[in-house]
Amino acid sequence: MPYRVMKESLNAVIDSLADGILVTDAQGNIILYNQKTESMLDIKGSDALGRPIKEHIKNEALVRLINKILTLDMPYHTEEVCLIDSGDTRLRVHVSPVRDANALLIGSVTLLHDVVQLSAIEKIKSNFLAMVSHQLKSPLGSTLLQTSILLDGMVGGLNEKQRDLLQKVKAKIKGMTELINDVLDVCFIEERGYIAQIEPLNLAEILQRTIELIQPQAQDKNIALQTAVEDHLPLIKGNKGSMEAMFINLISNAIKYTPSGGKVRIELRKDAQYLQVKVSDTGIGIEDKDILRIFDKFHRERSERTKDISGTGLGLSIVKGIVDAHRGSIHVESKVGEGTTFIVLLPLE
């Protein structure tokens, strides 16, 4: 087939796609895009070909995301970007590096999918879930208080069997309360409530306070908490409560999946224009089939290894939401039987 005919056929296939596609070279110059991308990003004709993305893409978040992939050694990254310029368009953007046979970076490919209808449905579901959770939280709190009163003997003595049953009831109520709190956290993140109040933050200080809070949990399992914090770290702009929640969830999760006598190490250091948070453990590790879904809501590994480990399956989803809300990235490295490492990159600007 002649080259010209093959090129025209390829362009016809790309233009027929329902989603947008945008390809750049390693320097961030646009080398290919389809008609759907033109309408989504308001690119005019073929004028953008061979030109830097920042000259033809108005959305700064998307430009930053593509540049991040081209400058950082990241296997993949997924982020949802709302194009305010378009008003009624909401895009889910998938950006991946393109490498040659020698693993050298030669560019990036971006897929754009309009999820405005899906977002509306998800918002309805999220609002309904939040409403139900709020309605359940109050009666559960009252029940927990009344159970504690019974266990304290304030309304009469209990025999051993009665006390044992009430202890189990109390544990179940606590578990349900934790689940509801996690659900409300997820709903709050999805509404971007976690970044409503932005301020300069010293992550080293936040980490130190988190370690003090979580130390008893580690001591109960005879797990050593180790920290390595680089000196004179710059501040980041973020929400204090959400950063505390990120540390608590990551460290608690590491402790939970690490057998007695193990170690959990938390590192903070500057990495180019990012602050890197690394949480490593010597735990049971994550199987390959579960790594792809590790940040999904309510996902938990179901196996003989984890049958005695409790949890709601929302902790890592909360962490992912916090990191995304702060325009950062998170990925996981794990080996079964040896441990897991979560690496978070938070932008300094």
Protein backbone atom coordinates (compact mmCIF):
# COMPACT_ATOMS: atom_id res chain seq x y z
CA MET A 1 0.00 0.00 0.00
CA PRO A 2 1.47 3.43 -0.95
CA TYR A 3 2.57 5.57 1.99
CA ARG A 4 0.11 8.39 1.13
CA VAL A 5 -2.85 6.01 1.07
CA MET A 6 -1.75 4.34 4.30
CA LYS A 7 -1.41 7.73 6.01
CA GLU A 8 -4.87 8.80 4.85
CA SER A 9 -6.34 5.52 6.11
CA LEU A 10 -4.65 5.95 9.49
CA ASN A 11 -5.97 9.52 9.79
CA ALA A 12 -9.47 8.32 8.89
CA VAL A 13 -9.31 5.65 11.63
CA ILE A 14 -8.07 8.14 14.23
CA ASP A 15 -10.72 10.72 13.27
CA SER A 16 -13.45 8.09 13.64
CA LEU A 17 -12.63 7.53 17.31
CA ALA A 18 -15.25 8.70 19.80
CA ASP A 19 -12.48 9.84 22.18
CA GLY A 20 -9.80 12.42 21.62
CA ILE A 21 -6.17 11.45 21.03
CA LEU A 22 -3.16 13.75 21.23
CA VAL A 23 0.46 12.73 20.56
CA THR A 24 3.58 14.76 21.32
CA ASP A 25 7.29 14.26 20.82
CA ALA A 26 9.79 14.20 23.70
CA GLN A 27 10.08 18.01 23.63
CA GLY A 28 6.33 18.52 24.06
CA ASN A 29 5.60 19.47 20.44
CA ILE A 30 2.27 18.28 19.01
CA ILE A 31 2.72 15.72 16.22
CA LEU A 32 -0.75 14.15 15.93
CA TYR A 33 -4.35 14.70 17.05
CA ASN A 34 -7.83 13.82 15.80
CA GLN A 35 -10.97 15.84 15.10
CA LYS A 36 -12.44 14.99 18.51
CA THR A 37 -9.40 16.56 20.18
CA GLU A 38 -9.88 19.70 18.07
CA SER A 39 -13.37 20.22 19.48
CA MET A 40 -12.46 19.20 23.05
CA LEU A 41 -9.39 21.44 23.30
CA ASP A 42 -10.48 24.11 20.80
CA ILE A 43 -7.48 23.52 18.54
CA LYS A 44 -7.79 25.21 15.13
CA GLY A 45 -7.17 22.96 12.11
CA SER A 46 -3.60 21.77 11.55
CA ASP A 47 -1.96 24.95 12.89
CA ALA A 48 -0.85 23.19 16.07
CA LEU A 49 1.21 20.48 14.35
CA GLY A 50 4.88 20.81 15.22
CA ARG A 51 4.18 23.48 17.82
CA PRO A 52 4.60 23.29 21.66
CA ILE A 53 1.50 22.19 23.54
CA LYS A 54 1.47 25.32 25.71
CA GLU A 55 0.84 27.46 22.60
CA HIS A 56 -2.36 25.65 21.60
CA ILE A 57 -3.80 24.06 24.76
CA LYS A 58 -5.50 26.60 27.00
CA ASN A 59 -5.97 24.33 30.02
CA GLU A 60 -2.88 24.73 32.21
CA ALA A 61 -3.61 21.58 34.24
CA LEU A 62 -3.48 19.43 31.11
CA VAL A 63 -0.25 21.08 29.95
CA ARG A 64 1.32 20.43 33.36
CA LEU A 65 0.17 16.81 33.28
CA ILE A 66 1.73 16.14 29.86
CA ASN A 67 4.95 17.91 30.88
CA LYS A 68 5.04 15.81 34.05
CA ILE A 69 4.98 12.60 32.02
CA LEU A 70 7.72 13.91 29.72
CA THR A 71 10.02 14.98 32.58
CA LEU A 72 9.45 12.32 35.24
CA ASP A 73 10.22 8.61 35.02
CA MET A 74 6.63 7.51 35.54
CA PRO A 75 5.15 4.41 33.86
CA TYR A 76 1.65 5.91 33.69
CA HIS A 77 -0.61 8.50 35.23
CA THR A 78 -4.34 9.12 35.20
CA GLU A 79 -6.06 12.34 36.16
CA GLU A 80 -9.46 13.93 35.60
CA VAL A 81 -9.26 17.51 34.39
CA CYS A 82 -12.20 19.90 34.21
CA LEU A 83 -11.88 22.22 31.21
CA ILE A 84 -13.42 25.43 32.57
CA ASP A 85 -12.99 27.13 29.17
CA SER A 86 -15.52 24.74 27.63
CA GLY A 87 -18.11 25.26 30.37
CA ASP A 88 -20.09 22.03 30.04
CA THR A 89 -17.24 19.64 29.22
CA ARG A 90 -15.48 17.45 31.74
CA LEU A 91 -12.66 15.29 30.52
CA ARG A 92 -11.01 12.24 31.97
CA VAL A 93 -7.45 12.43 30.71
CA HIS A 94 -5.06 9.48 30.44
CA VAL A 95 -1.47 10.42 29.65
CA SER A 96 1.22 7.79 29.04
CA PRO A 97 4.88 8.00 27.97
CA VAL A 98 5.90 6.52 24.62
CA ARG A 99 9.22 4.68 24.53
CA ASP A 100 11.23 3.11 21.73
CA ALA A 101 12.70 -0.40 21.62
CA ASN A 102 15.58 0.78 23.84
CA ALA A 103 13.18 2.19 26.46
CA LEU A 104 14.14 5.76 25.58
CA LEU A 105 11.39 8.35 25.92
CA ILE A 106 10.26 9.59 22.50
CA GLY A 107 7.02 11.31 23.41
CA SER A 108 3.60 11.02 25.02
CA VAL A 109 0.10 9.95 24.07
CA THR A 110 -2.98 11.49 25.67
CA LEU A 111 -6.50 10.02 25.53
CA LEU A 112 -9.42 12.33 26.32
CA HIS A 113 -12.87 11.06 27.23
CA ASP A 114 -15.85 13.33 27.92
CA VAL A 115 -17.38 12.15 31.20
CA VAL A 116 -19.80 15.00 31.88
CA GLN A 117 -22.81 12.64 31.98
CA LEU A 118 -20.94 10.06 34.07
CA SER A 119 -19.85 12.81 36.45
CA ALA A 120 -23.46 13.93 36.94
CA ILE A 121 -24.52 10.35 37.74
CA GLU A 122 -21.57 9.89 40.11
CA LYS A 123 -22.47 13.14 41.89
CA ILE A 124 -26.04 11.93 42.45
CA LYS A 125 -24.74 8.62 43.82
CA SER A 126 -22.20 10.41 46.00
CA ASN A 127 -24.81 12.80 47.42
CA PHE A 128 -27.17 9.91 48.16
CA LEU A 129 -24.39 7.94 49.84
CA ALA A 130 -23.41 10.95 51.95
CA MET A 131 -27.02 11.55 53.00
CA VAL A 132 -27.53 7.90 54.04
CA SER A 133 -24.20 7.88 55.91
CA HIS A 134 -25.11 11.04 57.83
CA GLN A 135 -28.47 9.51 58.79
CA LEU A 136 -26.76 6.34 60.07
CA LYS A 137 -23.99 8.11 61.97
CA SER A 138 -26.18 9.62 64.68
CA PRO A 139 -28.07 6.45 65.79
CA LEU A 140 -24.86 4.42 65.67
CA GLY A 141 -23.17 6.97 67.92
CA SER A 142 -26.04 6.76 70.40
CA THR A 143 -25.96 2.95 70.33
CA LEU A 144 -22.22 2.95 70.94
CA LEU A 145 -22.65 5.27 73.93
CA GLN A 146 -25.42 3.12 75.40
CA THR A 147 -23.32 -0.03 74.94
CA SER A 148 -20.43 1.61 76.76
CA ILE A 149 -22.74 2.56 79.63
CA LEU A 150 -23.85 -1.08 79.94
CA LEU A 151 -20.24 -2.34 79.88
CA ASP A 152 -19.21 0.19 82.55
CA GLY A 153 -21.83 -1.30 84.87
CA MET A 154 -23.65 2.01 85.35
CA VAL A 155 -27.06 0.31 85.17
CA GLY A 156 -26.21 -2.92 86.91
CA GLY A 157 -23.69 -5.75 86.90
CA LEU A 158 -23.07 -8.13 83.99
CA ASN A 159 -22.08 -11.75 84.00
CA GLU A 160 -19.16 -12.93 81.89
CA LYS A 161 -21.29 -14.12 78.97
CA GLN A 162 -23.26 -10.87 78.82
CA ARG A 163 -20.07 -8.80 78.93
CA ASP A 164 -18.52 -10.88 76.14
CA LEU A 165 -21.57 -10.41 73.90
CA LEU A 166 -21.67 -6.65 74.53
CA GLN A 167 -17.94 -6.36 73.75
CA LYS A 168 -18.60 -8.01 70.38
CA VAL A 169 -21.55 -5.68 69.75
CA LYS A 170 -19.39 -2.66 70.59
CA ALA A 171 -16.63 -3.83 68.22
CA LYS A 172 -19.14 -4.24 65.39
CA ILE A 173 -20.61 -0.79 65.99
CA LYS A 174 -17.12 0.73 65.98
CA GLY A 175 -16.40 -1.01 62.67
CA MET A 176 -19.62 0.36 61.14
CA THR A 177 -18.80 3.85 62.43
CA GLU A 178 -15.33 3.70 60.86
CA LEU A 179 -16.88 2.62 57.56
CA ILE A 180 -19.33 5.53 57.63
CA ASN A 181 -16.55 8.00 58.43
CA ASP A 182 -14.50 6.65 55.51
CA VAL A 183 -17.50 6.91 53.17
CA LEU A 184 -18.05 10.53 54.22
CA ASP A 185 -14.35 11.24 53.67
CA VAL A 186 -14.57 9.83 50.14
CA CYS A 187 -17.68 11.89 49.37
CA PHE A 188 -15.98 14.98 50.76
CA ILE A 189 -12.86 14.43 48.62
CA GLU A 190 -14.93 13.90 45.48
CA GLU A 191 -16.53 17.28 46.08
CA ARG A 192 -12.99 18.73 46.46
CA GLY A 193 -13.77 19.75 50.03
CA TYR A 194 -10.31 18.70 51.16
CA ILE A 195 -8.64 21.56 49.32
CA ALA A 196 -11.10 24.28 50.30
CA GLN A 197 -8.52 25.82 52.66
CA ILE A 198 -5.04 26.05 51.19
CA GLU A 199 -2.05 27.18 53.23
CA PRO A 200 1.74 26.72 53.31
CA LEU A 201 2.51 23.40 55.02
CA ASN A 202 5.58 21.90 56.66
CA LEU A 203 5.14 18.19 55.85
CA ALA A 204 7.96 17.21 58.21
CA GLU A 205 6.03 18.65 61.17
CA ILE A 206 2.79 17.01 60.06
CA LEU A 207 4.59 13.67 59.71
CA GLN A 208 6.07 13.98 63.21
CA ARG A 209 2.64 14.60 64.74
CA THR A 210 1.22 11.66 62.81
CA ILE A 211 3.98 9.36 64.07
CA GLU A 212 3.19 10.36 67.65
CA LEU A 213 -0.50 9.56 67.12
CA ILE A 214 0.08 6.23 65.40
CA GLN A 215 2.98 4.97 67.53
CA PRO A 216 0.71 3.00 69.92
CA GLN A 217 -0.74 1.06 66.97
CA ALA A 218 2.78 0.10 65.88
CA GLN A 219 3.83 -0.84 69.41
CA ASP A 220 0.84 -3.16 69.77
CA LYS A 221 2.20 -5.19 66.84
CA ASN A 222 5.87 -4.77 67.77
CA ILE A 223 6.54 -2.89 64.53
CA ALA A 224 9.40 -0.38 64.29
CA LEU A 225 8.52 2.99 62.75
CA GLN A 226 11.51 4.61 61.04
CA THR A 227 11.67 8.08 59.48
CA ALA A 228 14.18 9.69 57.14
CA VAL A 229 13.47 13.38 56.54
CA GLU A 230 15.73 15.51 54.36
CA ASP A 231 16.90 18.74 55.99
CA HIS A 232 15.49 22.14 55.00
CA LEU A 233 12.58 20.84 52.98
CA PRO A 234 10.53 23.54 51.20
CA LEU A 235 6.92 24.14 52.14
CA ILE A 236 4.07 22.97 49.94
CA LYS A 237 0.66 24.56 49.47
CA GLY A 238 -2.13 22.26 50.60
CA ASN A 239 -4.80 21.42 53.12
CA LYS A 240 -3.50 20.50 56.57
CA GLY A 241 -6.29 18.06 57.46
CA SER A 242 -5.99 16.18 54.19
CA MET A 243 -2.21 15.81 54.51
CA GLU A 244 -2.67 14.38 58.01
CA ALA A 245 -5.29 11.96 56.64
CA MET A 246 -2.89 10.91 53.86
CA PHE A 247 -0.12 10.07 56.33
CA ILE A 248 -2.48 8.31 58.75
CA ASN A 249 -3.99 6.10 56.05
CA LEU A 250 -0.67 5.19 54.41
CA ILE A 251 1.13 4.41 57.68
CA SER A 252 -1.82 2.62 59.28
CA ASN A 253 -2.22 0.54 56.15
CA ALA A 254 1.47 -0.41 56.23
CA ILE A 255 1.24 -1.42 59.90
CA LYS A 256 -1.93 -3.42 59.27
CA TYR A 257 -0.35 -5.56 56.53
CA THR A 258 3.03 -6.02 58.23
CA PRO A 259 3.50 -9.02 60.54
CA SER A 260 4.70 -8.58 64.12
CA GLY A 261 8.38 -7.68 64.35
CA GLY A 262 8.45 -5.94 60.97
CA LYS A 263 9.39 -2.40 59.95
CA VAL A 264 7.66 0.59 58.39
CA ARG A 265 9.85 3.36 56.99
CA ILE A 266 8.64 6.83 55.99
CA GLU A 267 10.85 9.10 53.89
CA LEU A 268 10.48 12.75 52.93
CA ARG A 269 12.75 14.39 50.38
CA LYS A 270 12.81 16.95 47.56
CA ASP A 271 12.62 15.47 44.06
CA ALA A 272 13.04 18.13 41.36
CA GLN A 273 9.90 20.32 41.56
CA TYR A 274 8.14 17.85 43.83
CA LEU A 275 8.17 16.74 47.44
CA GLN A 276 8.42 12.96 47.58
CA VAL A 277 6.71 10.92 50.29
CA LYS A 278 7.71 7.26 50.44
CA VAL A 279 6.11 4.75 52.82
CA SER A 280 7.70 1.29 52.77
CA ASP A 281 6.94 -1.81 54.81
CA THR A 282 8.21 -5.36 55.23
CA GLY A 283 4.71 -6.77 55.04
CA ILE A 284 2.92 -9.47 53.07
CA GLY A 285 3.00 -7.55 49.78
CA ILE A 286 0.34 -7.18 47.10
CA GLU A 287 -0.35 -9.69 44.35
CA ASP A 288 -0.10 -8.43 40.76
CA LYS A 289 -3.81 -8.96 40.11
CA ASP A 290 -4.69 -6.61 42.99
CA ILE A 291 -2.21 -3.80 42.25
CA LEU A 292 -4.30 -2.52 39.33
CA ARG A 293 -7.32 -2.09 41.64
CA ILE A 294 -5.53 -1.07 44.83
CA PHE A 295 -7.01 2.46 44.79
CA ASP A 296 -10.57 1.40 43.92
CA LYS A 297 -13.28 2.07 46.49
CA PHE A 298 -14.05 -0.89 48.78
CA HIS A 299 -11.41 -3.07 47.10
CA ARG A 300 -9.62 -5.45 49.44
CA GLU A 301 -7.54 -8.51 48.67
CA ARG A 302 -9.57 -11.63 49.45
CA SER A 303 -7.21 -14.47 50.25
CA GLU A 304 -6.00 -16.73 53.01
CA ARG A 305 -3.23 -14.19 53.72
CA THR A 306 -5.65 -11.36 54.53
CA LYS A 307 -8.64 -13.13 56.09
CA ASP A 308 -7.75 -11.92 59.61
CA ILE A 309 -7.00 -8.31 58.56
CA SER A 310 -9.94 -5.95 59.04
CA GLY A 311 -10.64 -2.81 57.04
CA THR A 312 -13.18 -0.93 54.95
CA GLY A 313 -11.28 -0.93 51.66
CA LEU A 314 -11.53 2.87 51.48
CA GLY A 315 -8.22 4.01 53.01
CA LEU A 316 -6.16 3.98 49.80
CA SER A 317 -9.07 5.44 47.82
CA ILE A 318 -9.05 8.36 50.27
CA VAL A 319 -5.28 8.76 49.82
CA LYS A 320 -5.62 8.74 46.02
CA GLY A 321 -8.36 11.37 46.20
CA ILE A 322 -6.22 13.61 48.42
CA VAL A 323 -3.17 13.29 46.17
CA ASP A 324 -5.21 13.98 43.02
CA ALA A 325 -6.85 17.00 44.65
CA HIS A 326 -3.37 18.41 45.30
CA ARG A 327 -2.32 17.76 41.68
CA GLY A 328 0.14 15.09 42.73
CA SER A 329 0.68 11.48 41.75
CA ILE A 330 0.93 8.17 43.59
CA HIS A 331 2.10 4.73 42.54
CA VAL A 332 2.88 1.46 44.29
CA GLU A 333 5.71 -1.06 44.10
CA SER A 334 5.26 -4.43 45.77
CA LYS A 335 6.58 -7.95 45.96
CA VAL A 336 4.60 -10.73 47.62
CA GLY A 337 6.20 -11.81 50.88
CA GLU A 338 8.74 -8.97 50.92
CA GLY A 339 6.77 -5.74 51.31
CA THR A 340 5.18 -2.74 49.64
CA THR A 341 6.21 0.84 48.90
CA PHE A 342 3.87 3.73 48.16
CA ILE A 343 5.48 6.76 46.49
CA VAL A 344 3.68 10.13 46.46
CA LEU A 345 4.85 13.17 44.51
CA LEU A 346 3.38 16.52 45.56
CA PRO A 347 4.13 19.65 43.49
CA LEU A 348 6.03 22.42 45.25
CA GLU A 349 4.20 25.09 43.22
